[in-house]
Amino acid sequence: MDEKELIRKAKNGDFEAFKKLVSCYNKQCFSFAYYHLKNRADAEDFVQEVFYRVFLYLKRYDEKRKFFSWLYAIERNVLMTFFKKKKKKQLEVEEVFVENIVFYDEKLNIEDRVALFKAIENLNEMEKDLIFLKYNEDLSIKDIAEAFHLSEENVKVKLFRAKERLLNLLKERRV
């Protein structure tokens, strides 16, 4: 059964179809949450809240849009709610779990991965999200543009600037 069929069935109250839809996006949602929240328990709570809202608002989903874009908008809203509840504008990393670092590349040694992770933490939220979606989730420019309601050219420029900023941050750490 393809995604559109799962969505149609879930919209019509088929709970098994909804569970399958959740299983399709659960890992991606958790990855997004853990990347931003840096805490497994908070990430698990986040995922529950996201899919609770998906369940509540699924009937409002416009099938002309990509489901991932709609889901991503919910994820961003839930993330903002989490930040407001914790009254933190910026989370600090207390521990770095190397096995959970995004952009894992076997060619990078541990020190380089830690440096990359710390440099990413210094990007603004938009830059972090663009880098995450492009390189961790492997989304196309078109999909990212749709998720952010931006033109593809605008996404390319913002992504280029984010990569430049990341490169400069990494260079500063090496000096």
C-alpha atoms as a PDB file:
ATOM      1  CA  MET A   1       0.000   0.000   0.000  1.00  0.00           C
ATOM      2  CA  ASP A   2       1.467   3.362  -0.966  1.00  0.00           C
ATOM      3  CA  GLU A   3       1.603   6.461   1.228  1.00  0.00           C
ATOM      4  CA  LYS A   4      -1.389   8.183  -0.389  1.00  0.00           C
ATOM      5  CA  GLU A   5      -3.554   5.126   0.174  1.00  0.00           C
ATOM      6  CA  LEU A   6      -2.410   4.898   3.817  1.00  0.00           C
ATOM      7  CA  ILE A   7      -3.289   8.563   4.310  1.00  0.00           C
ATOM      8  CA  ARG A   8      -6.732   8.163   2.725  1.00  0.00           C
ATOM      9  CA  LYS A   9      -7.496   5.130   4.888  1.00  0.00           C
ATOM     10  CA  ALA A  10      -6.177   6.823   8.038  1.00  0.00           C
ATOM     11  CA  LYS A  11      -8.299   9.902   7.283  1.00  0.00           C
ATOM     12  CA  ASN A  12     -11.317   7.608   7.129  1.00  0.00           C
ATOM     13  CA  GLY A  13     -10.607   6.167  10.570  1.00  0.00           C
ATOM     14  CA  ASP A  14      -8.524   3.091   9.712  1.00  0.00           C
ATOM     15  CA  PHE A  15      -6.261   2.879  12.761  1.00  0.00           C
ATOM     16  CA  GLU A  16      -4.077   0.137  11.233  1.00  0.00           C
ATOM     17  CA  ALA A  17      -3.326   2.441   8.288  1.00  0.00           C
ATOM     18  CA  PHE A  18      -2.482   5.232  10.734  1.00  0.00           C
ATOM     19  CA  LYS A  19      -0.095   2.920  12.625  1.00  0.00           C
ATOM     20  CA  LYS A  20       1.639   2.040   9.345  1.00  0.00           C
ATOM     21  CA  LEU A  21       1.924   5.734   8.503  1.00  0.00           C
ATOM     22  CA  VAL A  22       3.473   6.374  11.919  1.00  0.00           C
ATOM     23  CA  SER A  23       5.954   3.552  11.418  1.00  0.00           C
ATOM     24  CA  CYS A  24       7.004   5.088   8.081  1.00  0.00           C
ATOM     25  CA  TYR A  25       7.926   8.415   9.707  1.00  0.00           C
ATOM     26  CA  ASN A  26       8.716   7.466  13.303  1.00  0.00           C
ATOM     27  CA  LYS A  27      12.491   7.166  12.825  1.00  0.00           C
ATOM     28  CA  GLN A  28      12.747  10.449  10.906  1.00  0.00           C
ATOM     29  CA  CYS A  29      10.655  12.234  13.527  1.00  0.00           C
ATOM     30  CA  PHE A  30      12.761  10.849  16.376  1.00  0.00           C
ATOM     31  CA  SER A  31      15.965  11.823  14.569  1.00  0.00           C
ATOM     32  CA  PHE A  32      14.676  15.392  14.135  1.00  0.00           C
ATOM     33  CA  ALA A  33      13.645  15.536  17.804  1.00  0.00           C
ATOM     34  CA  TYR A  34      16.880  14.120  19.183  1.00  0.00           C
ATOM     35  CA  TYR A  35      18.912  16.444  16.980  1.00  0.00           C
ATOM     36  CA  HIS A  36      17.181  19.467  18.516  1.00  0.00           C
ATOM     37  CA  LEU A  37      16.445  18.286  22.053  1.00  0.00           C
ATOM     38  CA  LYS A  38      19.613  16.262  22.801  1.00  0.00           C
ATOM     39  CA  ASN A  39      17.691  14.048  25.206  1.00  0.00           C
ATOM     40  CA  ARG A  40      16.178  10.639  24.472  1.00  0.00           C
ATOM     41  CA  ALA A  41      13.224  10.992  26.863  1.00  0.00           C
ATOM     42  CA  ASP A  42      12.313  14.441  25.506  1.00  0.00           C
ATOM     43  CA  ALA A  43      12.681  13.145  21.948  1.00  0.00           C
ATOM     44  CA  GLU A  44      10.325  10.244  22.695  1.00  0.00           C
ATOM     45  CA  ASP A  45       7.775  12.638  24.234  1.00  0.00           C
ATOM     46  CA  PHE A  46       8.178  14.878  21.195  1.00  0.00           C
ATOM     47  CA  VAL A  47       7.449  12.007  18.790  1.00  0.00           C
ATOM     48  CA  GLN A  48       4.314  11.077  20.743  1.00  0.00           C
ATOM     49  CA  GLU A  49       3.089  14.669  20.656  1.00  0.00           C
ATOM     50  CA  VAL A  50       3.768  15.006  16.921  1.00  0.00           C
ATOM     51  CA  PHE A  51       1.828  11.874  16.035  1.00  0.00           C
ATOM     52  CA  TYR A  52      -0.958  12.791  18.439  1.00  0.00           C
ATOM     53  CA  ARG A  53      -1.342  16.051  16.500  1.00  0.00           C
ATOM     54  CA  VAL A  54      -1.106  14.212  13.178  1.00  0.00           C
ATOM     55  CA  PHE A  55      -3.960  11.997  14.381  1.00  0.00           C
ATOM     56  CA  LEU A  56      -6.019  15.019  15.484  1.00  0.00           C
ATOM     57  CA  TYR A  57      -5.469  17.073  12.337  1.00  0.00           C
ATOM     58  CA  LEU A  58      -5.135  14.419   9.637  1.00  0.00           C
ATOM     59  CA  LYS A  59      -8.568  15.259   8.230  1.00  0.00           C
ATOM     60  CA  ARG A  60      -7.244  18.777   7.522  1.00  0.00           C
ATOM     61  CA  TYR A  61      -4.277  17.478   5.521  1.00  0.00           C
ATOM     62  CA  ASP A  62      -4.436  18.624   1.895  1.00  0.00           C
ATOM     63  CA  GLU A  63      -3.341  15.713  -0.272  1.00  0.00           C
ATOM     64  CA  LYS A  64      -2.002  18.125  -2.906  1.00  0.00           C
ATOM     65  CA  ARG A  65       0.892  18.832  -0.541  1.00  0.00           C
ATOM     66  CA  LYS A  66       3.599  16.341   0.249  1.00  0.00           C
ATOM     67  CA  PHE A  67       2.850  14.578   3.500  1.00  0.00           C
ATOM     68  CA  PHE A  68       6.422  15.066   4.713  1.00  0.00           C
ATOM     69  CA  SER A  69       6.094  18.851   4.333  1.00  0.00           C
ATOM     70  CA  TRP A  70       2.883  18.852   6.348  1.00  0.00           C
ATOM     71  CA  LEU A  71       4.438  16.597   9.001  1.00  0.00           C
ATOM     72  CA  TYR A  72       7.533  18.804   9.154  1.00  0.00           C
ATOM     73  CA  ALA A  73       5.349  21.859   9.848  1.00  0.00           C
ATOM     74  CA  ILE A  74       3.791  19.978  12.777  1.00  0.00           C
ATOM     75  CA  GLU A  75       7.257  18.978  14.012  1.00  0.00           C
ATOM     76  CA  ARG A  76       8.399  22.614  13.959  1.00  0.00           C
ATOM     77  CA  ASN A  77       5.298  23.733  15.877  1.00  0.00           C
ATOM     78  CA  VAL A  78       5.750  21.020  18.504  1.00  0.00           C
ATOM     79  CA  LEU A  79       9.427  21.925  18.800  1.00  0.00           C
ATOM     80  CA  MET A  80       8.565  25.568  19.480  1.00  0.00           C
ATOM     81  CA  THR A  81       6.080  24.428  22.126  1.00  0.00           C
ATOM     82  CA  PHE A  82       8.758  22.270  23.774  1.00  0.00           C
ATOM     83  CA  PHE A  83      11.179  25.192  23.847  1.00  0.00           C
ATOM     84  CA  LYS A  84       8.559  27.501  25.340  1.00  0.00           C
ATOM     85  CA  LYS A  85       7.653  24.964  28.018  1.00  0.00           C
ATOM     86  CA  LYS A  86      11.254  24.550  29.033  1.00  0.00           C
ATOM     87  CA  LYS A  87      11.791  28.315  28.788  1.00  0.00           C
ATOM     88  CA  LYS A  88      15.024  27.772  26.958  1.00  0.00           C
ATOM     89  CA  LYS A  89      15.932  29.517  23.776  1.00  0.00           C
ATOM     90  CA  GLN A  90      19.111  27.575  23.321  1.00  0.00           C
ATOM     91  CA  LEU A  91      19.893  24.100  24.552  1.00  0.00           C
ATOM     92  CA  GLU A  92      23.398  23.282  25.743  1.00  0.00           C
ATOM     93  CA  VAL A  93      24.969  19.957  25.041  1.00  0.00           C
ATOM     94  CA  GLU A  94      25.953  18.233  28.291  1.00  0.00           C
ATOM     95  CA  GLU A  95      27.155  15.042  26.677  1.00  0.00           C
ATOM     96  CA  VAL A  96      27.998  14.110  23.125  1.00  0.00           C
ATOM     97  CA  PHE A  97      27.026  10.610  22.116  1.00  0.00           C
ATOM     98  CA  VAL A  98      29.209   9.994  19.107  1.00  0.00           C
ATOM     99  CA  GLU A  99      26.997   7.217  17.780  1.00  0.00           C
ATOM    100  CA  ASN A 100      24.058   9.646  17.573  1.00  0.00           C
ATOM    101  CA  ILE A 101      25.836  12.518  15.871  1.00  0.00           C
ATOM    102  CA  VAL A 102      24.151  13.496  12.646  1.00  0.00           C
ATOM    103  CA  PHE A 103      26.191  13.535   9.463  1.00  0.00           C
ATOM    104  CA  TYR A 104      27.993  10.403  10.641  1.00  0.00           C
ATOM    105  CA  ASP A 105      30.805   9.640   8.246  1.00  0.00           C
ATOM    106  CA  GLU A 106      33.198   6.773   8.841  1.00  0.00           C
ATOM    107  CA  LYS A 107      35.979   8.836   7.251  1.00  0.00           C
ATOM    108  CA  LEU A 108      35.762  11.389  10.073  1.00  0.00           C
ATOM    109  CA  ASN A 109      37.614  10.667  13.269  1.00  0.00           C
ATOM    110  CA  ILE A 110      35.958  11.255  16.634  1.00  0.00           C
ATOM    111  CA  GLU A 111      37.544  14.683  17.134  1.00  0.00           C
ATOM    112  CA  ASP A 112      36.342  15.863  13.718  1.00  0.00           C
ATOM    113  CA  ARG A 113      32.816  14.596  14.381  1.00  0.00           C
ATOM    114  CA  VAL A 114      32.718  16.390  17.726  1.00  0.00           C
ATOM    115  CA  ALA A 115      34.051  19.580  16.089  1.00  0.00           C
ATOM    116  CA  LEU A 116      31.387  19.312  13.374  1.00  0.00           C
ATOM    117  CA  PHE A 117      28.653  18.783  15.953  1.00  0.00           C
ATOM    118  CA  LYS A 118      29.806  21.789  18.007  1.00  0.00           C
ATOM    119  CA  ALA A 119      30.035  23.964  14.898  1.00  0.00           C
ATOM    120  CA  ILE A 120      26.487  23.003  13.914  1.00  0.00           C
ATOM    121  CA  GLU A 121      25.306  24.036  17.381  1.00  0.00           C
ATOM    122  CA  ASN A 122      26.515  27.577  16.590  1.00  0.00           C
ATOM    123  CA  LEU A 123      24.314  27.895  13.503  1.00  0.00           C
ATOM    124  CA  ASN A 124      20.939  29.606  13.764  1.00  0.00           C
ATOM    125  CA  GLU A 125      17.798  27.443  13.774  1.00  0.00           C
ATOM    126  CA  MET A 126      17.072  27.920  10.068  1.00  0.00           C
ATOM    127  CA  GLU A 127      20.634  26.978   9.115  1.00  0.00           C
ATOM    128  CA  LYS A 128      20.554  23.922  11.394  1.00  0.00           C
ATOM    129  CA  ASP A 129      17.278  22.771   9.889  1.00  0.00           C
ATOM    130  CA  LEU A 130      18.465  23.251   6.313  1.00  0.00           C
ATOM    131  CA  ILE A 131      21.687  21.336   6.948  1.00  0.00           C
ATOM    132  CA  PHE A 132      19.790  18.610   8.807  1.00  0.00           C
ATOM    133  CA  LEU A 133      17.145  18.126   6.129  1.00  0.00           C
ATOM    134  CA  LYS A 134      19.578  18.228   3.221  1.00  0.00           C
ATOM    135  CA  TYR A 135      22.387  16.083   4.586  1.00  0.00           C
ATOM    136  CA  ASN A 136      20.822  13.959   7.309  1.00  0.00           C
ATOM    137  CA  GLU A 137      17.381  13.376   5.809  1.00  0.00           C
ATOM    138  CA  ASP A 138      18.683  13.613   2.215  1.00  0.00           C
ATOM    139  CA  LEU A 139      15.760  15.767   1.079  1.00  0.00           C
ATOM    140  CA  SER A 140      15.784  17.470  -2.281  1.00  0.00           C
ATOM    141  CA  ILE A 141      15.933  21.254  -2.598  1.00  0.00           C
ATOM    142  CA  LYS A 142      12.359  21.117  -3.909  1.00  0.00           C
ATOM    143  CA  ASP A 143      11.097  19.245  -0.828  1.00  0.00           C
ATOM    144  CA  ILE A 144      12.930  21.588   1.531  1.00  0.00           C
ATOM    145  CA  ALA A 145      11.507  24.605  -0.302  1.00  0.00           C
ATOM    146  CA  GLU A 146       8.016  23.202   0.076  1.00  0.00           C
ATOM    147  CA  ALA A 147       8.529  22.474   3.785  1.00  0.00           C
ATOM    148  CA  PHE A 148       9.711  26.043   4.464  1.00  0.00           C
ATOM    149  CA  HIS A 149       7.350  27.742   1.993  1.00  0.00           C
ATOM    150  CA  LEU A 150      10.340  29.243   0.161  1.00  0.00           C
ATOM    151  CA  SER A 151      11.436  29.259  -3.458  1.00  0.00           C
ATOM    152  CA  GLU A 152      13.987  26.666  -4.522  1.00  0.00           C
ATOM    153  CA  GLU A 153      16.468  29.458  -5.314  1.00  0.00           C
ATOM    154  CA  ASN A 154      16.018  30.930  -1.855  1.00  0.00           C
ATOM    155  CA  VAL A 155      16.693  27.524  -0.278  1.00  0.00           C
ATOM    156  CA  LYS A 156      19.833  27.114  -2.403  1.00  0.00           C
ATOM    157  CA  VAL A 157      21.132  30.520  -1.280  1.00  0.00           C
ATOM    158  CA  LYS A 158      20.320  29.875   2.386  1.00  0.00           C
ATOM    159  CA  LEU A 159      21.886  26.413   2.217  1.00  0.00           C
ATOM    160  CA  PHE A 160      25.004  27.810   0.549  1.00  0.00           C
ATOM    161  CA  ARG A 161      25.325  30.473   3.258  1.00  0.00           C
ATOM    162  CA  ALA A 162      24.765  27.894   5.999  1.00  0.00           C
ATOM    163  CA  LYS A 163      27.525  25.691   4.561  1.00  0.00           C
ATOM    164  CA  GLU A 164      29.852  28.693   4.270  1.00  0.00           C
ATOM    165  CA  ARG A 165      29.144  29.655   7.868  1.00  0.00           C
ATOM    166  CA  LEU A 166      29.707  26.071   9.000  1.00  0.00           C
ATOM    167  CA  LEU A 167      32.993  25.940   7.112  1.00  0.00           C
ATOM    168  CA  ASN A 168      34.124  29.216   8.719  1.00  0.00           C
ATOM    169  CA  LEU A 169      33.185  27.938  12.177  1.00  0.00           C
ATOM    170  CA  LEU A 170      35.189  24.774  11.583  1.00  0.00           C
ATOM    171  CA  LYS A 171      38.177  26.799  10.353  1.00  0.00           C
ATOM    172  CA  GLU A 172      38.016  29.018  13.459  1.00  0.00           C
ATOM    173  CA  ARG A 173      38.152  25.941  15.685  1.00  0.00           C
ATOM    174  CA  ARG A 174      41.284  24.712  13.923  1.00  0.00           C
ATOM    175  CA  VAL A 175      43.236  27.946  14.471  1.00  0.00           C
END
